[in-house]
Amino acid sequence: MDDERKRRKAFKAAVGMSGVTSATMEGDKIIIVGDGVDPITLTTMLRRSLGYAELLSVSSGDDKKKDGYGAA
């Protein structure tokens, strides 16, 4: 994403989807965290608004708990 306008548009689209709890930017990637988010619907919505979007990874929140992250 080379334009600040496109970044804002992608964030607005991602955060507006039901189930999304947070979205962060790392370089040109958007990391979306949520519960019950449909990755196919999210990717399709981002493609419609940006023209190009690629789904790199999907994981459950249980992965972090197994590694020791997120433990209280």
N, C-alpha and C. Protein backbone atom coordinates (compact mmCIF):
# COMPACT_ATOMS: atom_id res chain seq x y z
N MET A 1 0.85 -1.17 0.00
CA MET A 1 0.00 0.00 0.00
C MET A 1 0.90 1.23 0.00
N ASP A 2 0.91 1.90 -1.08
CA ASP A 2 1.81 3.02 -1.26
C ASP A 2 1.20 4.36 -0.89
N ASP A 3 -0.07 4.39 -0.63
CA ASP A 3 -0.76 5.65 -0.39
C ASP A 3 -1.42 5.63 0.99
N GLU A 4 -1.31 6.73 1.71
CA GLU A 4 -1.93 6.84 3.04
C GLU A 4 -3.45 6.71 2.95
N ARG A 5 -4.02 7.20 1.88
CA ARG A 5 -5.47 7.11 1.68
C ARG A 5 -5.91 5.65 1.58
N LYS A 6 -5.13 4.83 0.87
CA LYS A 6 -5.47 3.41 0.74
C LYS A 6 -5.33 2.70 2.08
N ARG A 7 -4.34 3.07 2.88
CA ARG A 7 -4.17 2.47 4.20
C ARG A 7 -5.37 2.75 5.09
N ARG A 8 -5.79 4.01 5.10
CA ARG A 8 -6.96 4.38 5.91
C ARG A 8 -8.20 3.65 5.44
N LYS A 9 -8.36 3.52 4.14
CA LYS A 9 -9.51 2.84 3.57
C LYS A 9 -9.51 1.36 3.95
N ALA A 10 -8.34 0.72 3.92
CA ALA A 10 -8.23 -0.68 4.30
C ALA A 10 -8.53 -0.87 5.79
N PHE A 11 -7.99 0.02 6.64
CA PHE A 11 -8.26 -0.05 8.07
C PHE A 11 -9.74 0.10 8.36
N LYS A 12 -10.36 1.07 7.72
CA LYS A 12 -11.78 1.33 7.93
C LYS A 12 -12.61 0.12 7.53
N ALA A 13 -12.27 -0.50 6.42
CA ALA A 13 -12.99 -1.68 5.95
C ALA A 13 -12.78 -2.85 6.90
N ALA A 14 -11.55 -3.05 7.37
CA ALA A 14 -11.24 -4.19 8.23
C ALA A 14 -11.88 -4.05 9.61
N VAL A 15 -11.76 -2.90 10.21
CA VAL A 15 -12.28 -2.69 11.57
C VAL A 15 -13.80 -2.66 11.57
N GLY A 16 -14.41 -2.28 10.47
CA GLY A 16 -15.86 -2.22 10.38
C GLY A 16 -16.53 -3.58 10.28
N MET A 17 -15.76 -4.61 10.04
CA MET A 17 -16.33 -5.96 9.89
C MET A 17 -16.65 -6.53 11.27
N SER A 18 -17.74 -7.27 11.36
CA SER A 18 -18.13 -7.83 12.65
C SER A 18 -17.14 -8.90 13.10
N GLY A 19 -16.83 -8.89 14.39
CA GLY A 19 -15.91 -9.85 14.96
C GLY A 19 -14.48 -9.36 15.08
N VAL A 20 -14.13 -8.29 14.40
CA VAL A 20 -12.76 -7.76 14.46
C VAL A 20 -12.59 -6.98 15.75
N THR A 21 -11.57 -7.34 16.53
CA THR A 21 -11.30 -6.64 17.79
C THR A 21 -10.17 -5.63 17.66
N SER A 22 -9.19 -5.89 16.77
CA SER A 22 -8.11 -4.93 16.57
C SER A 22 -7.47 -5.13 15.20
N ALA A 23 -6.84 -4.08 14.72
CA ALA A 23 -6.09 -4.13 13.47
C ALA A 23 -4.84 -3.28 13.65
N THR A 24 -3.71 -3.83 13.25
CA THR A 24 -2.44 -3.12 13.33
C THR A 24 -1.73 -3.20 12.00
N MET A 25 -0.81 -2.27 11.78
CA MET A 25 -0.08 -2.19 10.53
C MET A 25 1.38 -2.53 10.79
N GLU A 26 1.93 -3.46 10.01
CA GLU A 26 3.35 -3.79 10.05
C GLU A 26 3.87 -3.70 8.63
N GLY A 27 4.52 -2.60 8.32
CA GLY A 27 4.98 -2.40 6.95
C GLY A 27 3.80 -2.23 6.01
N ASP A 28 3.72 -3.11 5.04
CA ASP A 28 2.60 -3.09 4.10
C ASP A 28 1.52 -4.10 4.46
N LYS A 29 1.65 -4.74 5.61
CA LYS A 29 0.70 -5.78 6.02
C LYS A 29 -0.22 -5.26 7.11
N ILE A 30 -1.46 -5.70 7.06
CA ILE A 30 -2.42 -5.40 8.12
C ILE A 30 -2.65 -6.69 8.89
N ILE A 31 -2.46 -6.63 10.20
CA ILE A 31 -2.70 -7.78 11.05
C ILE A 31 -4.03 -7.55 11.75
N ILE A 32 -4.96 -8.47 11.52
CA ILE A 32 -6.31 -8.34 12.05
C ILE A 32 -6.54 -9.43 13.08
N VAL A 33 -7.03 -9.03 14.25
CA VAL A 33 -7.32 -9.96 15.33
C VAL A 33 -8.80 -9.88 15.62
N GLY A 34 -9.43 -11.03 15.78
CA GLY A 34 -10.84 -11.03 16.09
C GLY A 34 -11.35 -12.43 16.37
N ASP A 35 -12.60 -12.49 16.73
CA ASP A 35 -13.23 -13.77 17.03
C ASP A 35 -14.42 -13.94 16.09
N GLY A 36 -14.43 -15.02 15.34
CA GLY A 36 -15.53 -15.28 14.43
C GLY A 36 -15.45 -14.49 13.14
N VAL A 37 -14.27 -14.04 12.76
CA VAL A 37 -14.09 -13.29 11.52
C VAL A 37 -13.92 -14.28 10.38
N ASP A 38 -14.68 -14.10 9.32
CA ASP A 38 -14.57 -14.96 8.15
C ASP A 38 -13.43 -14.44 7.27
N PRO A 39 -12.34 -15.18 7.13
CA PRO A 39 -11.18 -14.68 6.37
C PRO A 39 -11.47 -14.49 4.89
N ILE A 40 -12.32 -15.31 4.32
CA ILE A 40 -12.64 -15.19 2.90
C ILE A 40 -13.43 -13.91 2.65
N THR A 41 -14.42 -13.64 3.49
CA THR A 41 -15.22 -12.43 3.36
C THR A 41 -14.35 -11.19 3.56
N LEU A 42 -13.46 -11.23 4.55
CA LEU A 42 -12.57 -10.11 4.81
C LEU A 42 -11.65 -9.84 3.63
N THR A 43 -11.05 -10.89 3.07
CA THR A 43 -10.16 -10.73 1.92
C THR A 43 -10.92 -10.19 0.71
N THR A 44 -12.11 -10.71 0.48
CA THR A 44 -12.93 -10.23 -0.64
C THR A 44 -13.28 -8.76 -0.48
N MET A 45 -13.64 -8.36 0.74
CA MET A 45 -13.98 -6.96 0.99
C MET A 45 -12.76 -6.05 0.77
N LEU A 46 -11.59 -6.49 1.21
CA LEU A 46 -10.38 -5.69 1.01
C LEU A 46 -10.01 -5.62 -0.48
N ARG A 47 -10.24 -6.69 -1.20
CA ARG A 47 -9.96 -6.67 -2.64
C ARG A 47 -10.88 -5.69 -3.37
N ARG A 48 -12.12 -5.63 -2.95
CA ARG A 48 -13.06 -4.71 -3.59
C ARG A 48 -12.69 -3.25 -3.32
N SER A 49 -12.21 -2.98 -2.12
CA SER A 49 -11.90 -1.59 -1.78
C SER A 49 -10.51 -1.17 -2.22
N LEU A 50 -9.56 -2.10 -2.27
CA LEU A 50 -8.18 -1.75 -2.61
C LEU A 50 -7.76 -2.17 -4.01
N GLY A 51 -8.41 -3.17 -4.56
CA GLY A 51 -8.01 -3.67 -5.86
C GLY A 51 -7.15 -4.92 -5.74
N TYR A 52 -6.35 -5.03 -4.67
CA TYR A 52 -5.52 -6.21 -4.47
C TYR A 52 -5.37 -6.47 -2.98
N ALA A 53 -5.57 -7.71 -2.58
CA ALA A 53 -5.36 -8.13 -1.20
C ALA A 53 -5.03 -9.61 -1.21
N GLU A 54 -4.16 -10.00 -0.32
CA GLU A 54 -3.72 -11.39 -0.25
C GLU A 54 -3.79 -11.85 1.20
N LEU A 55 -4.36 -13.02 1.41
CA LEU A 55 -4.44 -13.62 2.74
C LEU A 55 -3.18 -14.44 2.96
N LEU A 56 -2.40 -14.07 3.97
CA LEU A 56 -1.13 -14.76 4.21
C LEU A 56 -1.23 -15.86 5.25
N SER A 57 -2.03 -15.66 6.29
CA SER A 57 -2.06 -16.63 7.37
C SER A 57 -3.35 -16.51 8.16
N VAL A 58 -3.82 -17.65 8.66
CA VAL A 58 -4.97 -17.69 9.55
C VAL A 58 -4.58 -18.60 10.71
N SER A 59 -4.79 -18.14 11.92
CA SER A 59 -4.49 -18.98 13.08
C SER A 59 -5.51 -18.72 14.18
N SER A 60 -5.62 -19.68 15.07
CA SER A 60 -6.53 -19.50 16.19
C SER A 60 -5.78 -18.86 17.34
N GLY A 61 -6.48 -18.30 18.27
CA GLY A 61 -5.87 -17.67 19.43
C GLY A 61 -5.25 -18.68 20.37
N ASP A 62 -5.60 -19.97 20.23
CA ASP A 62 -5.05 -21.01 21.08
C ASP A 62 -3.56 -21.22 20.84
N ASP A 63 -3.06 -20.88 19.64
CA ASP A 63 -1.65 -21.05 19.32
C ASP A 63 -0.77 -20.23 20.25
N LYS A 64 -1.17 -19.02 20.55
CA LYS A 64 -0.38 -18.16 21.42
C LYS A 64 -0.38 -18.67 22.85
N LYS A 65 -1.50 -19.22 23.30
CA LYS A 65 -1.58 -19.73 24.67
C LYS A 65 -0.68 -20.96 24.84
N LYS A 66 -0.57 -21.79 23.83
CA LYS A 66 0.29 -22.97 23.90
C LYS A 66 1.75 -22.59 23.99
N ASP A 67 2.15 -21.49 23.34
CA ASP A 67 3.53 -21.05 23.34
C ASP A 67 3.90 -20.28 24.61
N GLY A 68 2.94 -20.00 25.44
CA GLY A 68 3.22 -19.27 26.65
C GLY A 68 2.85 -17.80 26.56
N TYR A 69 2.52 -17.34 25.38
CA TYR A 69 2.10 -15.95 25.23
C TYR A 69 0.65 -15.80 25.66
N GLY A 70 0.34 -14.70 26.19
CA GLY A 70 -1.04 -14.44 26.59
C GLY A 70 -1.43 -15.10 27.89
N ALA A 71 -0.49 -15.75 28.53
CA ALA A 71 -0.80 -16.36 29.84
C ALA A 71 -0.82 -15.30 30.91
N ALA A 72 -1.76 -15.39 31.81
CA ALA A 72 -1.89 -14.38 32.85
C ALA A 72 -0.95 -14.62 33.99
